[in-house]
Amino acid sequence: MITDPLFYAAAIPAVILLGLAKGGFSGLGALSLPLMALVVSPVQAAAITLPILIVQDVVSVWAYRHTWDRRNVVILLLGAISGIVTGYLLAAQVSDAAVKLAVGVISVAFAIRRMVVERHATPPKPAPADVPRGIFWGWVTGFTSMVAHAGGPPFQIYVMPQRLPRDIFVGTGAVLFALINWIKVPPYLALGQFTMENMATAGALFPVAIASTWAGVLLVRRVSGQSFYTAVYVLLVLVGAKLIYDGISALV
């Protein structure tokens, strides 16, 4: 197990952000891996993070077990599986930086466009959950989740225009990413990213992971539906900007 206090000074806030994201504040989790990567390698940070995410998934899925959209999960998961496989096969060839930059640009453009459109006197009608777009964005979600741990923004780009009720939106993401995280376990094992040190370190952070996820669930339910969507759009812009910064910094 890692014993360096500096690591936990970064890891504990990172896990809290993951928990708040799992609890409903979508987007915050994308800030966690870069924070942990300040004190350990990105590969090690990813290996430590995945078991934590799986534990947090148990809490979030239980909290939203009655409020999720089955059709959305099925459509997105079909695309996500192929995206994860693609990400695994191209793990050595694809640049994390390029993926982050692309996802960041798309996320910022989407969120700003939606915020501008929805400020009009007659906002657009909710978009339906259609199969072609769902398969595509599901593939992007699985691919970016496997390669760059940035699956949240593509999921939001597909689901947010549907204007689902807040709890169904959050619950759909909780169930989908719980399934995605388990599907990612064999590829991560094949890539040799799970070691006893990393697993023990993840275990030491489980209490923080569980507590922060419950805190996210309780806090998000105090936010009205319209305010929730506005907050998610703002977070999507911030996370997208962070991904753009990370991508450009690594490519330059």
C-alpha atoms as a PDB file:
ATOM      1  CA  MET A   1       0.000   0.000   0.000  1.00  0.00           C
ATOM      2  CA  ILE A   2       1.186   3.537  -0.741  1.00  0.00           C
ATOM      3  CA  THR A   3       2.150   5.277   2.521  1.00  0.00           C
ATOM      4  CA  ASP A   4       3.330   8.664   1.234  1.00  0.00           C
ATOM      5  CA  PRO A   5       1.234  11.414   2.945  1.00  0.00           C
ATOM      6  CA  LEU A   6       1.553  13.565  -0.181  1.00  0.00           C
ATOM      7  CA  PHE A   7      -0.287  10.918  -2.173  1.00  0.00           C
ATOM      8  CA  TYR A   8      -3.268  10.971   0.195  1.00  0.00           C
ATOM      9  CA  ALA A   9      -3.279  14.761   0.229  1.00  0.00           C
ATOM     10  CA  ALA A  10      -4.186  14.526  -3.454  1.00  0.00           C
ATOM     11  CA  ALA A  11      -6.051  11.187  -3.461  1.00  0.00           C
ATOM     12  CA  ILE A  12      -8.595  12.007  -0.742  1.00  0.00           C
ATOM     13  CA  PRO A  13      -9.920  15.167  -2.488  1.00  0.00           C
ATOM     14  CA  ALA A  14      -9.890  13.220  -5.769  1.00  0.00           C
ATOM     15  CA  VAL A  15     -12.005  10.415  -4.277  1.00  0.00           C
ATOM     16  CA  ILE A  16     -14.397  12.955  -2.757  1.00  0.00           C
ATOM     17  CA  LEU A  17     -14.892  14.492  -6.206  1.00  0.00           C
ATOM     18  CA  LEU A  18     -15.538  11.008  -7.617  1.00  0.00           C
ATOM     19  CA  GLY A  19     -18.107  10.377  -4.899  1.00  0.00           C
ATOM     20  CA  LEU A  20     -19.942  13.655  -5.513  1.00  0.00           C
ATOM     21  CA  ALA A  21     -19.994  12.830  -9.232  1.00  0.00           C
ATOM     22  CA  LYS A  22     -21.358   9.335  -8.566  1.00  0.00           C
ATOM     23  CA  GLY A  23     -23.957  10.850  -6.262  1.00  0.00           C
ATOM     24  CA  GLY A  24     -25.302  13.043  -9.045  1.00  0.00           C
ATOM     25  CA  PHE A  25     -23.020  15.992  -9.712  1.00  0.00           C
ATOM     26  CA  SER A  26     -22.009  14.711 -13.130  1.00  0.00           C
ATOM     27  CA  GLY A  27     -18.667  15.861 -14.457  1.00  0.00           C
ATOM     28  CA  LEU A  28     -16.746  16.373 -11.250  1.00  0.00           C
ATOM     29  CA  GLY A  29     -15.207  12.916 -11.552  1.00  0.00           C
ATOM     30  CA  ALA A  30     -13.220  13.983 -14.622  1.00  0.00           C
ATOM     31  CA  LEU A  31     -11.146  16.232 -12.368  1.00  0.00           C
ATOM     32  CA  SER A  32     -10.091  13.366 -10.094  1.00  0.00           C
ATOM     33  CA  LEU A  33      -7.607  11.472 -12.251  1.00  0.00           C
ATOM     34  CA  PRO A  34      -5.563  14.592 -13.137  1.00  0.00           C
ATOM     35  CA  LEU A  35      -5.409  15.425  -9.424  1.00  0.00           C
ATOM     36  CA  MET A  36      -4.104  11.969  -8.509  1.00  0.00           C
ATOM     37  CA  ALA A  37      -1.728  12.060 -11.467  1.00  0.00           C
ATOM     38  CA  LEU A  38       0.096  14.926  -9.736  1.00  0.00           C
ATOM     39  CA  VAL A  39       1.577  12.455  -7.248  1.00  0.00           C
ATOM     40  CA  VAL A  40       1.590   9.103  -9.112  1.00  0.00           C
ATOM     41  CA  SER A  41       1.740   8.102 -12.769  1.00  0.00           C
ATOM     42  CA  PRO A  42      -1.538   8.336 -14.738  1.00  0.00           C
ATOM     43  CA  VAL A  43      -1.467   4.569 -15.270  1.00  0.00           C
ATOM     44  CA  GLN A  44      -1.169   3.879 -11.544  1.00  0.00           C
ATOM     45  CA  ALA A  45      -3.820   6.481 -10.770  1.00  0.00           C
ATOM     46  CA  ALA A  46      -6.188   4.748 -13.204  1.00  0.00           C
ATOM     47  CA  ALA A  47      -5.524   1.334 -11.643  1.00  0.00           C
ATOM     48  CA  ILE A  48      -6.209   2.663  -8.141  1.00  0.00           C
ATOM     49  CA  THR A  49      -9.309   4.532  -9.271  1.00  0.00           C
ATOM     50  CA  LEU A  50     -11.204   1.690 -10.974  1.00  0.00           C
ATOM     51  CA  PRO A  51     -11.853  -0.412  -7.806  1.00  0.00           C
ATOM     52  CA  ILE A  52     -12.909   2.783  -6.024  1.00  0.00           C
ATOM     53  CA  LEU A  53     -15.368   3.553  -8.816  1.00  0.00           C
ATOM     54  CA  ILE A  54     -16.818   0.050  -8.580  1.00  0.00           C
ATOM     55  CA  VAL A  55     -17.396   0.445  -4.828  1.00  0.00           C
ATOM     56  CA  GLN A  56     -19.002   3.845  -5.401  1.00  0.00           C
ATOM     57  CA  ASP A  57     -21.191   2.320  -8.109  1.00  0.00           C
ATOM     58  CA  VAL A  58     -22.757   0.033  -5.495  1.00  0.00           C
ATOM     59  CA  VAL A  59     -23.868   3.069  -3.474  1.00  0.00           C
ATOM     60  CA  SER A  60     -25.101   5.122  -6.427  1.00  0.00           C
ATOM     61  CA  VAL A  61     -26.951   2.228  -8.096  1.00  0.00           C
ATOM     62  CA  TRP A  62     -28.658   1.365  -4.806  1.00  0.00           C
ATOM     63  CA  ALA A  63     -29.667   5.002  -4.278  1.00  0.00           C
ATOM     64  CA  TYR A  64     -31.142   5.313  -7.786  1.00  0.00           C
ATOM     65  CA  ARG A  65     -32.250   1.703  -8.314  1.00  0.00           C
ATOM     66  CA  HIS A  66     -35.873   2.775  -8.931  1.00  0.00           C
ATOM     67  CA  THR A  67     -35.123   5.801 -11.127  1.00  0.00           C
ATOM     68  CA  TRP A  68     -33.247   4.968 -14.333  1.00  0.00           C
ATOM     69  CA  ASP A  69     -34.129   4.667 -17.996  1.00  0.00           C
ATOM     70  CA  ARG A  70     -33.746   1.102 -19.241  1.00  0.00           C
ATOM     71  CA  ARG A  71     -33.955   2.039 -22.942  1.00  0.00           C
ATOM     72  CA  ASN A  72     -31.112   4.543 -22.663  1.00  0.00           C
ATOM     73  CA  VAL A  73     -28.902   2.113 -20.755  1.00  0.00           C
ATOM     74  CA  VAL A  74     -29.423  -0.696 -23.280  1.00  0.00           C
ATOM     75  CA  ILE A  75     -28.765   1.537 -26.301  1.00  0.00           C
ATOM     76  CA  LEU A  76     -25.690   3.202 -24.808  1.00  0.00           C
ATOM     77  CA  LEU A  77     -24.262  -0.052 -23.450  1.00  0.00           C
ATOM     78  CA  LEU A  78     -24.374  -1.705 -26.884  1.00  0.00           C
ATOM     79  CA  GLY A  79     -22.162   1.068 -28.217  1.00  0.00           C
ATOM     80  CA  ALA A  80     -20.024   1.272 -25.077  1.00  0.00           C
ATOM     81  CA  ILE A  81     -18.955  -2.390 -25.244  1.00  0.00           C
ATOM     82  CA  SER A  82     -17.542  -1.926 -28.733  1.00  0.00           C
ATOM     83  CA  GLY A  83     -15.940   1.334 -27.623  1.00  0.00           C
ATOM     84  CA  ILE A  84     -14.181  -0.369 -24.710  1.00  0.00           C
ATOM     85  CA  VAL A  85     -12.904  -3.115 -27.003  1.00  0.00           C
ATOM     86  CA  THR A  86     -11.660  -0.492 -29.463  1.00  0.00           C
ATOM     87  CA  GLY A  87      -9.962   1.423 -26.672  1.00  0.00           C
ATOM     88  CA  TYR A  88      -8.248  -1.729 -25.406  1.00  0.00           C
ATOM     89  CA  LEU A  89      -7.000  -2.707 -28.858  1.00  0.00           C
ATOM     90  CA  LEU A  90      -5.698   0.800 -29.527  1.00  0.00           C
ATOM     91  CA  ALA A  91      -4.409   1.522 -26.009  1.00  0.00           C
ATOM     92  CA  ALA A  92      -0.779   1.587 -27.144  1.00  0.00           C
ATOM     93  CA  GLN A  93      -1.451   3.601 -30.312  1.00  0.00           C
ATOM     94  CA  VAL A  94      -3.977   6.240 -29.237  1.00  0.00           C
ATOM     95  CA  SER A  95      -2.766   9.372 -27.481  1.00  0.00           C
ATOM     96  CA  ASP A  96      -4.654  10.171 -24.255  1.00  0.00           C
ATOM     97  CA  ALA A  97      -3.901  13.835 -24.905  1.00  0.00           C
ATOM     98  CA  ALA A  98      -5.547  13.844 -28.341  1.00  0.00           C
ATOM     99  CA  VAL A  99      -8.650  12.082 -26.989  1.00  0.00           C
ATOM    100  CA  LYS A 100      -8.941  14.528 -24.084  1.00  0.00           C
ATOM    101  CA  LEU A 101      -8.559  17.504 -26.410  1.00  0.00           C
ATOM    102  CA  ALA A 102     -11.264  16.233 -28.763  1.00  0.00           C
ATOM    103  CA  VAL A 103     -13.683  15.384 -25.943  1.00  0.00           C
ATOM    104  CA  GLY A 104     -13.011  18.741 -24.290  1.00  0.00           C
ATOM    105  CA  VAL A 105     -13.745  20.751 -27.441  1.00  0.00           C
ATOM    106  CA  ILE A 106     -16.952  18.805 -28.137  1.00  0.00           C
ATOM    107  CA  SER A 107     -18.103  19.138 -24.515  1.00  0.00           C
ATOM    108  CA  VAL A 108     -17.587  22.890 -24.301  1.00  0.00           C
ATOM    109  CA  ALA A 109     -19.237  23.517 -27.671  1.00  0.00           C
ATOM    110  CA  PHE A 110     -22.223  21.314 -26.780  1.00  0.00           C
ATOM    111  CA  ALA A 111     -22.773  22.817 -23.317  1.00  0.00           C
ATOM    112  CA  ILE A 112     -22.510  26.434 -24.499  1.00  0.00           C
ATOM    113  CA  ARG A 113     -24.859  25.766 -27.406  1.00  0.00           C
ATOM    114  CA  ARG A 114     -27.431  24.116 -25.134  1.00  0.00           C
ATOM    115  CA  MET A 115     -27.253  26.927 -22.567  1.00  0.00           C
ATOM    116  CA  VAL A 116     -27.793  29.545 -25.299  1.00  0.00           C
ATOM    117  CA  VAL A 117     -30.657  27.615 -26.912  1.00  0.00           C
ATOM    118  CA  GLU A 118     -32.447  26.921 -23.629  1.00  0.00           C
ATOM    119  CA  ARG A 119     -32.427  30.595 -22.672  1.00  0.00           C
ATOM    120  CA  HIS A 120     -34.847  31.323 -25.517  1.00  0.00           C
ATOM    121  CA  ALA A 121     -38.470  32.023 -24.648  1.00  0.00           C
ATOM    122  CA  THR A 122     -39.528  28.757 -26.307  1.00  0.00           C
ATOM    123  CA  PRO A 123     -36.918  26.105 -25.492  1.00  0.00           C
ATOM    124  CA  PRO A 124     -36.610  23.157 -27.892  1.00  0.00           C
ATOM    125  CA  LYS A 125     -38.647  20.031 -27.337  1.00  0.00           C
ATOM    126  CA  PRO A 126     -36.828  17.167 -25.576  1.00  0.00           C
ATOM    127  CA  ALA A 127     -34.972  14.927 -28.011  1.00  0.00           C
ATOM    128  CA  PRO A 128     -35.985  11.240 -27.997  1.00  0.00           C
ATOM    129  CA  ALA A 129     -33.618   8.387 -27.168  1.00  0.00           C
ATOM    130  CA  ASP A 130     -32.918   7.207 -30.712  1.00  0.00           C
ATOM    131  CA  VAL A 131     -30.801   4.158 -31.532  1.00  0.00           C
ATOM    132  CA  PRO A 132     -28.292   5.488 -34.116  1.00  0.00           C
ATOM    133  CA  ARG A 133     -27.179   8.457 -32.008  1.00  0.00           C
ATOM    134  CA  GLY A 134     -27.235   6.324 -28.878  1.00  0.00           C
ATOM    135  CA  ILE A 135     -24.994   3.651 -30.379  1.00  0.00           C
ATOM    136  CA  PHE A 136     -22.557   6.320 -31.602  1.00  0.00           C
ATOM    137  CA  TRP A 137     -22.363   8.235 -28.322  1.00  0.00           C
ATOM    138  CA  GLY A 138     -22.290   4.946 -26.424  1.00  0.00           C
ATOM    139  CA  TRP A 139     -19.238   3.943 -28.472  1.00  0.00           C
ATOM    140  CA  VAL A 140     -17.598   7.307 -27.721  1.00  0.00           C
ATOM    141  CA  THR A 141     -18.453   6.905 -24.022  1.00  0.00           C
ATOM    142  CA  GLY A 142     -16.890   3.437 -23.847  1.00  0.00           C
ATOM    143  CA  PHE A 143     -13.842   4.417 -25.886  1.00  0.00           C
ATOM    144  CA  THR A 144     -13.043   7.598 -23.953  1.00  0.00           C
ATOM    145  CA  SER A 145     -13.724   5.854 -20.650  1.00  0.00           C
ATOM    146  CA  MET A 146     -11.247   3.113 -21.522  1.00  0.00           C
ATOM    147  CA  VAL A 147      -8.550   5.335 -23.049  1.00  0.00           C
ATOM    148  CA  ALA A 148      -8.767   8.623 -21.139  1.00  0.00           C
ATOM    149  CA  HIS A 149     -11.287   8.069 -18.283  1.00  0.00           C
ATOM    150  CA  ALA A 150     -13.496  10.732 -19.837  1.00  0.00           C
ATOM    151  CA  GLY A 151     -16.763   8.872 -20.452  1.00  0.00           C
ATOM    152  CA  GLY A 152     -19.002  11.359 -18.659  1.00  0.00           C
ATOM    153  CA  PRO A 153     -19.150  14.160 -21.257  1.00  0.00           C
ATOM    154  CA  PRO A 154     -20.173  11.927 -24.215  1.00  0.00           C
ATOM    155  CA  PHE A 155     -22.900  10.356 -22.049  1.00  0.00           C
ATOM    156  CA  GLN A 156     -24.180  13.816 -21.120  1.00  0.00           C
ATOM    157  CA  ILE A 157     -24.118  15.008 -24.739  1.00  0.00           C
ATOM    158  CA  TYR A 158     -26.497  12.190 -25.698  1.00  0.00           C
ATOM    159  CA  VAL A 159     -28.788  12.142 -22.661  1.00  0.00           C
ATOM    160  CA  MET A 160     -29.111  15.805 -21.620  1.00  0.00           C
ATOM    161  CA  PRO A 161     -31.156  16.943 -24.668  1.00  0.00           C
ATOM    162  CA  GLN A 162     -33.812  14.415 -23.599  1.00  0.00           C
ATOM    163  CA  ARG A 163     -34.502  16.551 -20.513  1.00  0.00           C
ATOM    164  CA  LEU A 164     -35.102  13.522 -18.310  1.00  0.00           C
ATOM    165  CA  PRO A 165     -36.228  14.153 -14.725  1.00  0.00           C
ATOM    166  CA  ARG A 166     -33.198  14.797 -12.515  1.00  0.00           C
ATOM    167  CA  ASP A 167     -33.225  11.482 -10.644  1.00  0.00           C
ATOM    168  CA  ILE A 168     -33.750   9.449 -13.835  1.00  0.00           C
ATOM    169  CA  PHE A 169     -30.860  11.275 -15.519  1.00  0.00           C
ATOM    170  CA  VAL A 170     -28.572  10.565 -12.565  1.00  0.00           C
ATOM    171  CA  GLY A 171     -29.814   6.987 -12.145  1.00  0.00           C
ATOM    172  CA  THR A 172     -29.312   6.204 -15.834  1.00  0.00           C
ATOM    173  CA  GLY A 173     -25.704   7.359 -15.601  1.00  0.00           C
ATOM    174  CA  ALA A 174     -25.183   5.416 -12.374  1.00  0.00           C
ATOM    175  CA  VAL A 175     -26.388   2.117 -13.849  1.00  0.00           C
ATOM    176  CA  LEU A 176     -24.612   2.614 -17.177  1.00  0.00           C
ATOM    177  CA  PHE A 177     -21.216   3.425 -15.687  1.00  0.00           C
ATOM    178  CA  ALA A 178     -21.513   0.645 -13.117  1.00  0.00           C
ATOM    179  CA  LEU A 179     -21.813  -1.803 -16.008  1.00  0.00           C
ATOM    180  CA  ILE A 180     -19.042  -0.099 -17.991  1.00  0.00           C
ATOM    181  CA  ASN A 181     -16.649  -0.218 -15.037  1.00  0.00           C
ATOM    182  CA  TRP A 182     -17.118  -3.977 -14.630  1.00  0.00           C
ATOM    183  CA  ILE A 183     -16.629  -4.507 -18.374  1.00  0.00           C
ATOM    184  CA  LYS A 184     -13.344  -2.561 -18.106  1.00  0.00           C
ATOM    185  CA  VAL A 185     -11.930  -4.935 -15.464  1.00  0.00           C
ATOM    186  CA  PRO A 186     -10.704  -7.694 -17.863  1.00  0.00           C
ATOM    187  CA  PRO A 187      -8.934  -5.201 -20.188  1.00  0.00           C
ATOM    188  CA  TYR A 188      -7.252  -3.553 -17.205  1.00  0.00           C
ATOM    189  CA  LEU A 189      -6.147  -6.965 -15.955  1.00  0.00           C
ATOM    190  CA  ALA A 190      -4.796  -7.786 -19.400  1.00  0.00           C
ATOM    191  CA  LEU A 191      -2.866  -4.527 -19.435  1.00  0.00           C
ATOM    192  CA  GLY A 192      -1.275  -5.479 -16.089  1.00  0.00           C
ATOM    193  CA  GLN A 193      -2.507  -2.427 -14.217  1.00  0.00           C
ATOM    194  CA  PHE A 194      -3.699  -4.210 -11.057  1.00  0.00           C
ATOM    195  CA  THR A 195      -0.999  -4.839  -8.446  1.00  0.00           C
ATOM    196  CA  MET A 196      -1.240  -5.687  -4.739  1.00  0.00           C
ATOM    197  CA  GLU A 197       0.036  -2.204  -3.838  1.00  0.00           C
ATOM    198  CA  ASN A 198      -2.566  -0.477  -5.973  1.00  0.00           C
ATOM    199  CA  MET A 199      -5.427  -2.668  -4.745  1.00  0.00           C
ATOM    200  CA  ALA A 200      -4.446  -2.177  -1.098  1.00  0.00           C
ATOM    201  CA  THR A 201      -4.260   1.574  -1.638  1.00  0.00           C
ATOM    202  CA  ALA A 202      -7.700   1.566  -3.238  1.00  0.00           C
ATOM    203  CA  GLY A 203      -9.043  -0.416  -0.273  1.00  0.00           C
ATOM    204  CA  ALA A 204      -7.698   2.169   2.161  1.00  0.00           C
ATOM    205  CA  LEU A 205      -9.711   4.831   0.307  1.00  0.00           C
ATOM    206  CA  PHE A 206     -12.998   2.875   0.266  1.00  0.00           C
ATOM    207  CA  PRO A 207     -14.474   4.574   3.390  1.00  0.00           C
ATOM    208  CA  VAL A 208     -13.944   8.022   1.852  1.00  0.00           C
ATOM    209  CA  ALA A 209     -15.399   6.750  -1.435  1.00  0.00           C
ATOM    210  CA  ILE A 210     -18.600   5.451   0.178  1.00  0.00           C
ATOM    211  CA  ALA A 211     -19.147   8.493   2.422  1.00  0.00           C
ATOM    212  CA  SER A 212     -18.625  10.992  -0.400  1.00  0.00           C
ATOM    213  CA  THR A 213     -21.014   9.133  -2.710  1.00  0.00           C
ATOM    214  CA  TRP A 214     -23.796   9.211  -0.126  1.00  0.00           C
ATOM    215  CA  ALA A 215     -23.055  12.914   0.411  1.00  0.00           C
ATOM    216  CA  GLY A 216     -23.470  13.486  -3.337  1.00  0.00           C
ATOM    217  CA  VAL A 217     -26.814  11.642  -3.360  1.00  0.00           C
ATOM    218  CA  LEU A 218     -28.135  13.693  -0.435  1.00  0.00           C
ATOM    219  CA  LEU A 219     -26.907  17.021  -1.809  1.00  0.00           C
ATOM    220  CA  VAL A 220     -28.150  16.567  -5.375  1.00  0.00           C
ATOM    221  CA  ARG A 221     -31.678  15.787  -4.170  1.00  0.00           C
ATOM    222  CA  ARG A 222     -31.830  19.226  -2.585  1.00  0.00           C
ATOM    223  CA  VAL A 223     -31.353  20.854  -5.993  1.00  0.00           C
ATOM    224  CA  SER A 224     -34.360  21.595  -8.237  1.00  0.00           C
ATOM    225  CA  GLY A 225     -34.528  19.990 -11.663  1.00  0.00           C
ATOM    226  CA  GLN A 226     -33.881  23.198 -13.648  1.00  0.00           C
ATOM    227  CA  SER A 227     -31.065  24.307 -11.346  1.00  0.00           C
ATOM    228  CA  PHE A 228     -29.556  20.828 -11.599  1.00  0.00           C
ATOM    229  CA  TYR A 229     -29.385  20.954 -15.398  1.00  0.00           C
ATOM    230  CA  THR A 230     -27.904  24.455 -15.320  1.00  0.00           C
ATOM    231  CA  ALA A 231     -25.234  23.243 -12.869  1.00  0.00           C
ATOM    232  CA  VAL A 232     -24.447  20.229 -15.067  1.00  0.00           C
ATOM    233  CA  TYR A 233     -24.017  22.448 -18.129  1.00  0.00           C
ATOM    234  CA  VAL A 234     -21.637  24.710 -16.203  1.00  0.00           C
ATOM    235  CA  LEU A 235     -19.679  21.713 -14.905  1.00  0.00           C
ATOM    236  CA  LEU A 236     -19.517  20.301 -18.428  1.00  0.00           C
ATOM    237  CA  VAL A 237     -17.942  23.543 -19.658  1.00  0.00           C
ATOM    238  CA  LEU A 238     -15.420  23.523 -16.797  1.00  0.00           C
ATOM    239  CA  VAL A 239     -14.535  19.854 -17.264  1.00  0.00           C
ATOM    240  CA  GLY A 240     -14.322  20.325 -21.024  1.00  0.00           C
ATOM    241  CA  ALA A 241     -11.970  23.282 -20.525  1.00  0.00           C
ATOM    242  CA  LYS A 242      -9.817  21.165 -18.199  1.00  0.00           C
ATOM    243  CA  LEU A 243      -9.652  18.366 -20.779  1.00  0.00           C
ATOM    244  CA  ILE A 244      -8.672  20.877 -23.481  1.00  0.00           C
ATOM    245  CA  TYR A 245      -5.935  22.253 -21.230  1.00  0.00           C
ATOM    246  CA  ASP A 246      -4.629  18.763 -20.404  1.00  0.00           C
ATOM    247  CA  GLY A 247      -4.689  17.737 -24.052  1.00  0.00           C
ATOM    248  CA  ILE A 248      -2.876  20.819 -25.328  1.00  0.00           C
ATOM    249  CA  SER A 249      -0.326  20.698 -22.494  1.00  0.00           C
ATOM    250  CA  ALA A 250       0.570  17.100 -23.318  1.00  0.00           C
ATOM    251  CA  LEU A 251       0.709  17.653 -27.064  1.00  0.00           C
ATOM    252  CA  VAL A 252       2.833  20.811 -27.020  1.00  0.00           C
END
